[in-house]
């Protein structure tokens, strides 16, 4: 990965601010909630507020089954209520455990709570038919929180981000999300570590179509003078990710100038079932476009898996501490960035993209941080929205967007330069035969066209062709009739100001590749 250079893919990504899903009017676009540059870090704690009740245990009994677990809407669900306080009908707790807490100073804390809440109790009368015992639905924006070493709850009134009860599109389960700034409560503590209990989060009990899911998340930003400087930004909104994608551009930072760029991402969502896969989270990559991310506890093909975790793995210091939270999902994890492949030195923006074809996922919160250099970041007061239709893009396309097709790949060492010349061969129906110097591959025509504009702004002419078998658009900067000319132009391009990765694609050529000796003769 080259540093201190203008990468055309990064320039392209700067054009994408927010990609709405095809029925965006039923959700709420994500907007910035908090942003700062600090010496410190961010973290989350969380817990569910409903749990199954069956022969194996009450709502207070942790539910740990994942493989072959029943679907959420097959369970009888009930409120978790861990305290003996008569003023609460639901409550659960989680413990904040900051290392060297004496050095930590909380500078921001945001509390979120969310649930599917069509009515208070419901049952299933027959296959696929869910019926309310009572249609009563109470106010959702007030909860209680008990801080570490305190005996009494504090009432918290939040801001409703989204209430699906007011939308016909969400009538089956009426999900909602609420936010409250609780910074002043946490900054009053001598030590932020300890157990936090949140109570009176409302959700449907019994059964509901799609399954009952509910919980709360506390997002904390803290200072520590002994830690590296980081850019931190959080966003909230409401996105229904189910064969529809949502993307958020994050900008206003300048990544550290040297060494590995360390970055993290946090999220909270309602997500139906732990064992239903193909819900994914992507980050932009300078060399590969959008790359699915994951961790030891979150496979990249099932990043939302009905669990609560941090960089160290599962958060177990919760009551109850279910491995399977039955639809409530919160995490903070490091973004894999070996060789700065995803976030390069001096990068000043990135894209987060949510996608799912396996299970309905309601994302309502996300946050990002990255180690920054000495440059002062630009303060962004808010995010903007731009509609970009991803409704026809499948998850397979998204995964392979900007990825090189690897049908027949051979690498030849060129003696005259410190590079590998990558040559690939592929049969593409109705495409003119020849050797194409390819700069990128896209599944979305919008991205392909914008990438071409970016190349032309750098003085590099480009065009693209479409493979009718997969719909991919191959952006190429030159085409030749023979392999040697293609290699020569590939090498010539490497010596220009264009720093993007290219390779030679042999299209519909019957002859085999030439020998390594021929390529080496370029010297």
Protein backbone atom coordinates (compact mmCIF):
# COMPACT_ATOMS: atom_id res chain seq x y z
CA UNK A 1 0.00 0.00 0.00
CA UNK A 2 1.43 3.33 -1.03
CA UNK A 3 1.21 6.29 1.28
CA UNK A 4 0.90 10.03 0.78
CA UNK A 5 -0.82 9.57 -2.56
CA UNK A 6 -4.21 10.28 -4.03
CA UNK A 7 -6.10 7.04 -4.51
CA UNK A 8 -8.91 7.16 -7.07
CA UNK A 9 -11.07 4.72 -5.16
CA UNK A 10 -10.90 6.96 -2.08
CA UNK A 11 -11.77 9.92 -4.27
CA UNK A 12 -14.72 7.99 -5.62
CA UNK A 13 -15.95 7.06 -2.16
CA UNK A 14 -15.95 10.72 -1.19
CA UNK A 15 -18.87 11.15 -3.57
CA UNK A 16 -21.07 8.75 -1.63
CA UNK A 17 -22.61 10.38 1.44
CA UNK A 18 -25.56 8.16 2.24
CA UNK A 19 -27.10 5.40 0.17
CA UNK A 20 -30.74 4.94 1.05
CA UNK A 21 -32.63 1.71 0.63
CA UNK A 22 -35.32 1.38 -2.01
CA UNK A 23 -38.12 2.27 0.42
CA UNK A 24 -36.18 4.89 2.33
CA UNK A 25 -39.30 6.81 3.29
CA UNK A 26 -40.06 4.12 5.88
CA UNK A 27 -36.78 4.64 7.74
CA UNK A 28 -34.77 7.54 9.12
CA UNK A 29 -31.46 8.59 7.47
CA UNK A 30 -28.48 8.36 9.76
CA UNK A 31 -27.20 11.67 11.11
CA UNK A 32 -24.19 12.54 13.17
CA UNK A 33 -24.90 12.55 16.89
CA UNK A 34 -21.40 13.16 18.28
CA UNK A 35 -17.93 13.95 16.98
CA UNK A 36 -14.63 14.82 18.65
CA UNK A 37 -10.88 14.32 18.47
CA UNK A 38 -9.48 13.15 21.81
CA UNK A 39 -6.72 11.21 23.46
CA UNK A 40 -8.82 8.28 24.55
CA UNK A 41 -11.26 5.78 23.09
CA UNK A 42 -14.86 4.62 22.86
CA UNK A 43 -16.68 1.59 24.20
CA UNK A 44 -20.18 0.15 24.70
CA UNK A 45 -22.04 -1.93 27.22
CA UNK A 46 -25.48 -3.39 26.59
CA UNK A 47 -28.04 -6.04 27.42
CA UNK A 48 -31.34 -7.43 26.25
CA UNK A 49 -34.57 -6.65 28.08
CA UNK A 50 -36.69 -9.68 27.04
CA UNK A 51 -35.88 -13.39 27.09
CA UNK A 52 -37.59 -16.69 26.33
CA UNK A 53 -39.65 -18.48 28.94
CA UNK A 54 -39.84 -22.26 28.56
CA UNK A 55 -39.30 -25.52 30.39
CA UNK A 56 -35.58 -24.82 30.55
CA UNK A 57 -35.81 -21.59 32.46
CA UNK A 58 -37.35 -18.21 33.20
CA UNK A 59 -36.47 -14.88 31.60
CA UNK A 60 -33.65 -14.56 34.15
CA UNK A 61 -32.05 -17.79 32.95
CA UNK A 62 -29.39 -17.10 30.30
CA UNK A 63 -30.26 -18.44 26.87
CA UNK A 64 -27.11 -19.88 25.29
CA UNK A 65 -28.29 -22.01 22.39
CA UNK A 66 -27.15 -20.82 18.96
CA UNK A 67 -26.85 -23.73 16.54
CA UNK A 68 -30.26 -25.20 15.75
CA UNK A 69 -31.94 -22.64 17.98
CA UNK A 70 -35.62 -22.02 17.41
CA UNK A 71 -36.64 -18.94 15.50
CA UNK A 72 -37.39 -15.93 17.68
CA UNK A 73 -41.09 -15.81 16.79
CA UNK A 74 -41.47 -19.39 18.03
CA UNK A 75 -40.60 -18.40 21.61
CA UNK A 76 -42.82 -17.13 24.37
CA UNK A 77 -40.98 -13.97 25.37
CA UNK A 78 -41.17 -12.16 28.69
CA UNK A 79 -39.56 -9.13 30.33
CA UNK A 80 -36.28 -9.59 32.14
CA UNK A 81 -36.62 -7.94 35.56
CA UNK A 82 -33.58 -8.45 37.76
CA UNK A 83 -34.49 -6.11 40.61
CA UNK A 84 -37.13 -6.12 43.32
CA UNK A 85 -38.17 -2.52 42.66
CA UNK A 86 -41.95 -2.23 42.36
CA UNK A 87 -41.57 0.78 40.04
CA UNK A 88 -39.93 -1.33 37.32
CA UNK A 89 -41.46 -3.97 35.07
CA UNK A 90 -38.29 -4.69 33.11
CA UNK A 91 -34.62 -4.37 34.01
CA UNK A 92 -31.22 -5.80 33.10
CA UNK A 93 -27.63 -4.83 33.81
CA UNK A 94 -24.14 -4.71 32.30
CA UNK A 95 -20.78 -3.77 33.81
CA UNK A 96 -18.39 -1.16 32.45
CA UNK A 97 -14.79 -2.33 32.90
CA UNK A 98 -12.28 0.28 31.75
CA UNK A 99 -8.64 -0.59 32.36
CA UNK A 100 -6.79 1.90 34.56
CA UNK A 101 -10.05 3.68 35.22
CA UNK A 102 -8.30 6.26 37.39
CA UNK A 103 -6.89 7.72 34.17
CA UNK A 104 -10.24 7.78 32.37
CA UNK A 105 -12.54 10.77 32.11
CA UNK A 106 -15.93 10.33 30.46
CA UNK A 107 -16.61 13.11 27.95
CA UNK A 108 -19.75 11.76 26.30
CA UNK A 109 -22.35 9.06 26.98
CA UNK A 110 -25.35 8.21 24.83
CA UNK A 111 -28.04 5.75 25.94
CA UNK A 112 -30.11 3.94 23.31
CA UNK A 113 -33.03 1.59 23.78
CA UNK A 114 -34.96 -0.26 21.11
CA UNK A 115 -37.52 -3.04 20.71
CA UNK A 116 -40.23 -4.54 18.59
CA UNK A 117 -43.38 -3.25 20.26
CA UNK A 118 -46.71 -3.64 18.48
CA UNK A 119 -48.65 -4.19 21.67
CA UNK A 120 -47.93 -5.30 25.22
CA UNK A 121 -48.80 -9.05 25.12
CA UNK A 122 -49.49 -11.23 22.07
CA UNK A 123 -50.03 -14.90 21.15
CA UNK A 124 -50.03 -16.99 17.98
CA UNK A 125 -53.50 -18.44 17.37
CA UNK A 126 -52.58 -20.48 14.33
CA UNK A 127 -49.71 -20.86 11.90
CA UNK A 128 -48.53 -17.39 10.90
CA UNK A 129 -51.37 -15.53 12.68
CA UNK A 130 -50.34 -13.32 15.60
CA UNK A 131 -53.03 -11.81 17.80
CA UNK A 132 -52.86 -9.22 20.57
CA UNK A 133 -54.18 -10.12 24.00
CA UNK A 134 -54.43 -6.39 24.52
CA UNK A 135 -53.82 -3.70 21.92
CA UNK A 136 -52.59 -1.26 24.55
CA UNK A 137 -49.22 0.29 23.78
CA UNK A 138 -47.56 2.61 26.29
CA UNK A 139 -45.14 5.53 25.87
CA UNK A 140 -41.69 4.45 24.77
CA UNK A 141 -39.45 7.44 25.48
CA UNK A 142 -38.99 7.20 29.25
CA UNK A 143 -36.79 4.65 31.03
CA UNK A 144 -34.83 4.43 34.28
CA UNK A 145 -31.11 4.02 34.84
CA UNK A 146 -29.24 3.03 37.98
CA UNK A 147 -25.56 3.97 38.06
CA UNK A 148 -22.74 2.07 39.82
CA UNK A 149 -22.92 2.10 43.63
CA UNK A 150 -26.30 3.84 43.60
CA UNK A 151 -29.45 2.46 45.18
CA UNK A 152 -32.01 4.58 43.36
CA UNK A 153 -32.97 4.84 39.72
CA UNK A 154 -32.82 8.08 37.76
CA UNK A 155 -35.60 8.78 35.26
CA UNK A 156 -34.40 9.39 31.71
CA UNK A 157 -36.56 10.91 28.98
CA UNK A 158 -35.27 10.31 25.48
CA UNK A 159 -35.71 11.51 21.92
CA UNK A 160 -37.62 9.12 19.67
CA UNK A 161 -35.46 8.37 16.63
CA UNK A 162 -38.05 6.16 14.97
CA UNK A 163 -41.39 4.60 15.88
CA UNK A 164 -42.61 1.91 13.50
CA UNK A 165 -46.05 1.98 15.08
CA UNK A 166 -46.68 5.10 13.00
CA UNK A 167 -45.75 3.43 9.71
CA UNK A 168 -47.82 0.93 7.72
CA UNK A 169 -44.63 -0.67 6.45
CA UNK A 170 -43.76 -1.81 9.99
CA UNK A 171 -47.20 -2.80 11.21
CA UNK A 172 -46.23 -6.45 11.87
CA UNK A 173 -43.80 -5.73 14.72
CA UNK A 174 -43.61 -1.92 15.13
CA UNK A 175 -39.90 -1.50 15.98
CA UNK A 176 -38.70 1.68 17.62
CA UNK A 177 -35.44 3.32 18.73
CA UNK A 178 -34.90 6.06 21.33
CA UNK A 179 -31.82 8.09 22.32
CA UNK A 180 -30.90 10.07 25.45
CA UNK A 181 -27.75 12.02 26.33
CA UNK A 182 -26.67 10.80 29.78
CA UNK A 183 -23.23 12.45 29.82
CA UNK A 184 -23.99 14.56 32.88
CA UNK A 185 -24.99 11.45 34.86
CA UNK A 186 -21.74 9.65 34.09
CA UNK A 187 -19.44 12.63 34.59
CA UNK A 188 -20.81 12.96 38.13
CA UNK A 189 -19.24 9.61 39.03
CA UNK A 190 -15.84 9.47 40.71
CA UNK A 191 -15.17 6.19 38.89
CA UNK A 192 -17.19 5.24 35.79
CA UNK A 193 -16.59 1.51 36.25
CA UNK A 194 -19.29 -0.67 37.68
CA UNK A 195 -22.73 -2.11 37.03
CA UNK A 196 -25.34 -0.10 35.10
CA UNK A 197 -28.98 -1.17 35.23
CA UNK A 198 -31.55 0.09 32.73
CA UNK A 199 -35.22 -0.45 33.46
CA UNK A 200 -38.69 0.02 31.95
CA UNK A 201 -37.72 -0.48 28.32
CA UNK A 202 -40.98 -1.49 26.66
CA UNK A 203 -41.41 -4.41 24.26
CA UNK A 204 -44.07 -6.89 23.19
CA UNK A 205 -44.37 -9.93 25.44
CA UNK A 206 -45.52 -13.35 24.25
CA UNK A 207 -45.21 -13.72 20.49
CA UNK A 208 -45.16 -11.40 17.51
CA UNK A 209 -44.50 -11.81 13.80
CA UNK A 210 -40.77 -11.68 13.13
CA UNK A 211 -40.00 -12.26 16.79
CA UNK A 212 -39.70 -10.13 19.91
CA UNK A 213 -36.35 -8.34 20.23
CA UNK A 214 -35.37 -5.63 22.69
CA UNK A 215 -32.55 -4.11 24.68
CA UNK A 216 -30.42 -1.11 25.55
CA UNK A 217 -26.93 0.15 24.66
CA UNK A 218 -24.73 2.65 26.46
CA UNK A 219 -22.12 4.28 24.22
CA UNK A 220 -19.22 5.89 26.13
CA UNK A 221 -16.40 8.15 24.92
CA UNK A 222 -13.59 8.78 27.39
CA UNK A 223 -10.31 10.66 27.59
CA UNK A 224 -6.98 9.20 28.71
CA UNK A 225 -3.84 11.27 28.22
CA UNK A 226 -1.76 8.11 27.99
CA UNK A 227 -3.60 6.88 24.89
CA UNK A 228 -3.11 7.85 21.22
CA UNK A 229 -5.20 10.63 19.75
CA UNK A 230 -8.35 9.43 18.00
CA UNK A 231 -11.16 10.81 15.91
CA UNK A 232 -14.53 9.58 17.23
CA UNK A 233 -17.91 9.98 15.53
CA UNK A 234 -21.30 8.43 16.26
CA UNK A 235 -24.46 8.30 14.16
CA UNK A 236 -28.04 7.24 14.66
CA UNK A 237 -31.08 6.72 12.49
CA UNK A 238 -33.16 3.72 11.49
CA UNK A 239 -32.46 1.42 8.56
CA UNK A 240 -34.37 -1.74 7.63
CA UNK A 241 -31.62 -3.91 6.15
CA UNK A 242 -33.33 -6.77 4.35
CA UNK A 243 -32.19 -7.11 0.75
CA UNK A 244 -31.75 -3.35 0.90
CA UNK A 245 -28.51 -1.60 1.76
CA UNK A 246 -27.63 1.53 3.70
CA UNK A 247 -24.30 3.34 3.65
CA UNK A 248 -22.80 6.13 5.72
CA UNK A 249 -19.84 8.28 4.77
CA UNK A 250 -17.58 9.23 7.67
CA UNK A 251 -15.23 12.15 7.11
CA UNK A 252 -13.53 14.97 8.96
CA UNK A 253 -10.42 13.11 10.13
CA UNK A 254 -6.84 12.62 9.00
CA UNK A 255 -5.54 9.14 9.82
CA UNK A 256 -2.16 8.78 11.48
CA UNK A 257 0.64 9.63 9.08
CA UNK A 258 2.93 6.68 9.78
CA UNK A 259 2.65 3.07 10.87
CA UNK A 260 -0.45 0.95 11.18
CA UNK A 261 -3.77 2.77 11.20
CA UNK A 262 -5.91 1.40 14.06
CA UNK A 263 -9.66 1.84 13.82
CA UNK A 264 -12.82 0.53 15.48
CA UNK A 265 -16.49 0.35 14.73
CA UNK A 266 -19.50 0.04 17.05
CA UNK A 267 -23.10 -0.85 16.19
CA UNK A 268 -26.45 -1.59 17.76
CA UNK A 269 -29.37 -3.28 16.02
CA UNK A 270 -32.45 -5.40 16.35
CA UNK A 271 -31.65 -8.63 14.51
CA UNK A 272 -33.97 -11.60 14.45
CA UNK A 273 -32.06 -14.84 14.74
CA UNK A 274 -28.51 -15.84 15.68
CA UNK A 275 -28.32 -18.71 13.18
CA UNK A 276 -29.67 -16.87 10.14
CA UNK A 277 -26.68 -15.61 8.15
CA UNK A 278 -25.88 -13.14 5.37
CA UNK A 279 -26.16 -9.92 7.33
CA UNK A 280 -22.94 -8.04 6.76
CA UNK A 281 -21.03 -4.85 7.41
CA UNK A 282 -18.55 -3.43 4.92
CA UNK A 283 -15.90 -0.74 5.14
CA UNK A 284 -14.29 0.98 2.19
CA UNK A 285 -10.87 -0.19 1.09
CA UNK A 286 -8.44 1.77 -1.02
CA UNK A 287 -7.44 -1.35 -2.96
CA UNK A 288 -10.57 -3.50 -2.91
CA UNK A 289 -13.58 -1.19 -2.70
CA UNK A 290 -15.93 -2.50 -0.02
CA UNK A 291 -14.67 -5.26 2.28
CA UNK A 292 -16.77 -7.29 4.73
CA UNK A 293 -15.53 -7.02 8.31
CA UNK A 294 -15.82 -9.40 11.24
CA UNK A 295 -14.12 -10.66 14.38
CA UNK A 296 -13.53 -13.87 16.33
CA UNK A 297 -17.04 -13.63 17.75
CA UNK A 298 -18.69 -12.26 14.60
CA UNK A 299 -18.21 -14.03 11.30
CA UNK A 300 -18.12 -11.62 8.39
CA UNK A 301 -21.09 -13.46 6.84
CA UNK A 302 -23.15 -13.03 10.03
CA UNK A 303 -21.83 -9.92 11.74
CA UNK A 304 -25.20 -9.29 13.40
CA UNK A 305 -25.66 -12.53 15.33
CA UNK A 306 -27.85 -11.68 18.35
CA UNK A 307 -24.99 -11.20 20.79
CA UNK A 308 -23.19 -8.53 22.78
CA UNK A 309 -19.42 -8.23 22.42
CA UNK A 310 -16.40 -5.96 22.45
CA UNK A 311 -12.81 -6.15 21.17
CA UNK A 312 -12.01 -8.86 23.72
CA UNK A 313 -14.93 -11.04 22.72
CA UNK A 314 -18.27 -11.77 24.32
CA UNK A 315 -19.29 -9.39 27.13
CA UNK A 316 -20.03 -11.80 29.94
CA UNK A 317 -20.31 -9.40 32.87
CA UNK A 318 -24.04 -8.88 32.35
CA UNK A 319 -27.16 -10.03 34.16
CA UNK A 320 -28.49 -12.12 32.61
CA UNK A 321 -25.51 -12.94 30.40
CA UNK A 322 -27.14 -14.83 27.52
CA UNK A 323 -24.86 -15.80 24.66
CA UNK A 324 -27.90 -15.56 22.38
CA UNK A 325 -29.76 -12.34 23.19
CA UNK A 326 -32.61 -13.35 20.89
CA UNK A 327 -32.56 -10.41 18.56
CA UNK A 328 -30.69 -7.64 20.34
CA UNK A 329 -27.23 -6.93 18.94
CA UNK A 330 -24.46 -4.61 20.14
CA UNK A 331 -20.75 -4.66 19.50
CA UNK A 332 -17.55 -2.72 19.27
CA UNK A 333 -14.72 -4.32 17.32
CA UNK A 334 -11.44 -3.49 15.68
CA UNK A 335 -11.41 -3.12 11.91
CA UNK A 336 -8.88 -5.50 10.43
CA UNK A 337 -6.32 -3.31 8.69
CA UNK A 338 -3.22 -5.37 7.91
CA UNK A 339 -0.80 -3.37 5.77
CA UNK A 340 -3.32 -0.51 6.02
CA UNK A 341 -5.35 -2.25 3.33
CA UNK A 342 -8.67 -0.76 4.44
CA UNK A 343 -7.69 2.58 5.97
CA UNK A 344 -4.43 4.06 4.71
CA UNK A 345 -2.11 6.63 6.29
CA UNK A 346 -3.54 10.14 5.89
CA UNK A 347 -6.96 8.81 4.81
CA UNK A 348 -9.65 11.35 5.55
CA UNK A 349 -12.85 9.41 4.93
CA UNK A 350 -14.37 5.96 4.91
CA UNK A 351 -17.68 4.31 4.05
CA UNK A 352 -19.71 1.95 6.23
CA UNK A 353 -22.23 -0.19 4.41
CA UNK A 354 -24.88 -2.49 5.90
CA UNK A 355 -26.39 -5.31 3.86
CA UNK A 356 -28.48 -8.42 4.49
CA UNK A 357 -30.18 -11.15 2.51
CA UNK A 358 -30.59 -13.61 5.35
CA UNK A 359 -32.50 -11.93 8.13
CA UNK A 360 -34.28 -8.66 8.73
CA UNK A 361 -31.98 -6.31 10.63
CA UNK A 362 -32.92 -2.91 12.04
CA UNK A 363 -29.75 -0.86 12.53
CA UNK A 364 -30.20 2.29 14.63
CA UNK A 365 -26.73 3.22 15.94
CA UNK A 366 -23.14 3.10 14.73
CA UNK A 367 -19.86 4.74 15.70
CA UNK A 368 -16.36 4.86 14.28
CA UNK A 369 -12.96 5.85 15.61
CA UNK A 370 -9.50 5.99 14.08
CA UNK A 371 -6.06 7.02 15.25
CA UNK A 372 -5.21 10.38 13.74
CA UNK A 373 -2.04 12.31 12.97
CA UNK A 374 -1.03 15.84 13.79
CA UNK A 375 -3.31 17.46 11.24
CA UNK A 376 -6.39 19.13 12.71
CA UNK A 377 -9.55 17.45 11.46
CA UNK A 378 -12.32 19.38 9.80
CA UNK A 379 -15.31 19.60 12.12
CA UNK A 380 -18.43 18.34 10.38
CA UNK A 381 -21.63 19.66 11.94
CA UNK A 382 -23.93 17.12 10.32
CA UNK A 383 -24.18 14.54 7.60
CA UNK A 384 -25.98 15.02 4.33
CA UNK A 385 -28.17 12.53 2.52
CA UNK A 386 -28.01 11.42 -1.06
CA UNK A 387 -30.24 8.74 -2.54
CA UNK A 388 -28.38 5.97 -4.31
CA UNK A 389 -30.45 2.94 -5.27
CA UNK A 390 -28.91 -0.36 -4.23
CA UNK A 391 -32.17 -2.26 -4.56
CA UNK A 392 -30.91 -4.43 -7.43
CA UNK A 393 -27.56 -5.23 -5.84
CA UNK A 394 -27.36 -8.67 -4.29
CA UNK A 395 -25.12 -9.52 -1.40
CA UNK A 396 -22.92 -11.59 -3.70
CA UNK A 397 -22.44 -8.58 -5.94
CA UNK A 398 -21.65 -6.37 -2.98
CA UNK A 399 -19.07 -8.79 -1.69
CA UNK A 400 -17.33 -8.91 -5.04
CA UNK A 401 -17.66 -5.24 -5.89
CA UNK A 402 -14.24 -3.85 -6.72
CA UNK A 403 -12.68 -7.31 -6.33
CA UNK A 404 -10.57 -8.79 -9.09
CA UNK A 405 -12.14 -11.73 -10.88
CA UNK A 406 -9.87 -14.71 -10.30
CA UNK A 407 -10.94 -17.14 -13.00
CA UNK A 408 -7.42 -17.86 -14.38
CA UNK A 409 -4.65 -15.93 -12.72
CA UNK A 410 -0.91 -16.12 -13.31
CA UNK A 411 1.76 -13.76 -11.98
CA UNK A 412 4.95 -12.98 -13.86
CA UNK A 413 7.91 -11.29 -12.28
CA UNK A 414 9.23 -8.40 -14.36
CA UNK A 415 12.96 -7.93 -13.89
CA UNK A 416 13.07 -4.22 -14.71
CA UNK A 417 10.71 -3.04 -11.96
CA UNK A 418 9.92 -4.01 -8.39
CA UNK A 419 6.40 -5.16 -9.27
CA UNK A 420 4.37 -8.20 -10.21
CA UNK A 421 2.54 -7.98 -13.50
CA UNK A 422 -0.83 -9.59 -12.93
CA UNK A 423 -2.40 -11.22 -15.97
CA UNK A 424 -5.80 -12.84 -15.90
CA UNK A 425 -7.70 -14.66 -18.62
CA UNK A 426 -11.44 -14.79 -19.01
CA UNK A 427 -14.05 -15.65 -21.61
CA UNK A 428 -16.69 -12.91 -21.80
CA UNK A 429 -19.61 -13.32 -24.24
CA UNK A 430 -19.91 -10.73 -27.03
CA UNK A 431 -16.83 -8.79 -25.88
CA UNK A 432 -14.08 -7.91 -28.37
CA UNK A 433 -10.96 -9.98 -27.83
CA UNK A 434 -7.83 -8.24 -26.65
CA UNK A 435 -5.74 -7.35 -23.63
CA UNK A 436 -7.31 -4.81 -21.26
CA UNK A 437 -5.45 -2.94 -18.54
CA UNK A 438 -8.18 -3.01 -15.89
CA UNK A 439 -8.31 -0.56 -12.98
CA UNK A 440 -11.41 -1.81 -11.13
CA UNK A 441 -14.57 -3.92 -11.28
CA UNK A 442 -17.98 -2.74 -10.09
CA UNK A 443 -21.41 -4.31 -9.79
CA UNK A 444 -23.12 -0.92 -9.73
CA UNK A 445 -23.09 1.24 -12.90
CA UNK A 446 -23.14 4.42 -10.81
CA UNK A 447 -19.83 3.54 -9.15
CA UNK A 448 -18.29 2.54 -12.48
CA UNK A 449 -19.20 5.85 -14.11
CA UNK A 450 -18.06 7.92 -11.13
CA UNK A 451 -14.78 6.02 -11.02
CA UNK A 452 -14.20 6.80 -14.70
CA UNK A 453 -14.82 10.48 -13.97
CA UNK A 454 -12.22 10.31 -11.20
CA UNK A 455 -9.67 8.70 -13.52
CA UNK A 456 -10.25 11.31 -16.22
CA UNK A 457 -9.81 14.09 -13.67
CA UNK A 458 -6.32 12.65 -13.10
CA UNK A 459 -5.56 12.65 -16.81
CA UNK A 460 -6.20 8.93 -17.29
CA UNK A 461 -8.63 8.01 -20.07
CA UNK A 462 -10.95 5.11 -19.24
CA UNK A 463 -14.00 3.18 -20.36
CA UNK A 464 -15.82 0.05 -19.25
CA UNK A 465 -17.50 -3.07 -20.61
CA UNK A 466 -20.09 -5.33 -19.01
CA UNK A 467 -19.83 -9.08 -18.48
CA UNK A 468 -23.41 -10.24 -19.24
CA UNK A 469 -22.94 -13.40 -17.18
CA UNK A 470 -22.54 -11.59 -13.84
CA UNK A 471 -23.37 -7.95 -14.60
CA UNK A 472 -19.91 -6.75 -13.50
CA UNK A 473 -18.49 -3.63 -15.13
CA UNK A 474 -14.79 -3.75 -15.92
CA UNK A 475 -13.23 -0.29 -15.95
CA UNK A 476 -10.15 -0.33 -18.19
CA UNK A 477 -7.63 2.38 -19.06
CA UNK A 478 -6.30 0.90 -22.29
CA UNK A 479 -6.85 -2.00 -24.70
CA UNK A 480 -4.29 -3.62 -26.99
CA UNK A 481 -4.22 -6.42 -29.52
CA UNK A 482 -1.30 -8.29 -28.00
CA UNK A 483 -0.03 -9.13 -24.57
CA UNK A 484 3.40 -7.50 -24.85
CA UNK A 485 1.89 -4.09 -25.67
CA UNK A 486 -0.51 -4.45 -22.75
CA UNK A 487 2.33 -5.22 -20.35
CA UNK A 488 4.31 -2.24 -21.69
CA UNK A 489 1.35 0.09 -21.13
CA UNK A 490 0.76 -1.43 -17.70
CA UNK A 491 4.36 -0.63 -16.74
CA UNK A 492 4.16 2.85 -18.25
CA UNK A 493 1.03 3.58 -16.19
CA UNK A 494 2.82 2.51 -13.02
CA UNK A 495 5.32 5.32 -13.57
CA UNK A 496 2.66 8.04 -13.78
CA UNK A 497 0.95 9.91 -10.96
CA UNK A 498 -1.87 7.37 -11.03
CA UNK A 499 -1.35 5.20 -7.93
CA UNK A 500 -4.28 2.81 -8.22
CA UNK A 501 -3.85 -0.93 -8.65
CA UNK A 502 -4.26 -2.28 -12.20
CA UNK A 503 -3.90 -5.64 -13.88
CA UNK A 504 -3.96 -7.07 -17.41
CA UNK A 505 -7.09 -8.98 -18.41
CA UNK A 506 -6.89 -11.26 -21.43
CA UNK A 507 -10.40 -11.43 -22.91
CA UNK A 508 -11.46 -14.12 -25.38
CA UNK A 509 -7.89 -14.88 -26.47
CA UNK A 510 -7.35 -18.50 -27.47
CA UNK A 511 -3.57 -18.39 -27.27
CA UNK A 512 -1.86 -19.16 -23.99
CA UNK A 513 0.17 -16.66 -22.05
CA UNK A 514 3.64 -15.91 -23.28
CA UNK A 515 6.65 -16.95 -21.32
CA UNK A 516 8.19 -15.22 -18.37
CA UNK A 517 11.23 -14.54 -20.58
CA UNK A 518 9.17 -12.33 -22.87
CA UNK A 519 7.87 -10.26 -20.01
CA UNK A 520 11.30 -9.91 -18.51
CA UNK A 521 12.57 -8.56 -21.83
CA UNK A 522 10.74 -5.31 -21.04
CA UNK A 523 13.91 -4.17 -19.36
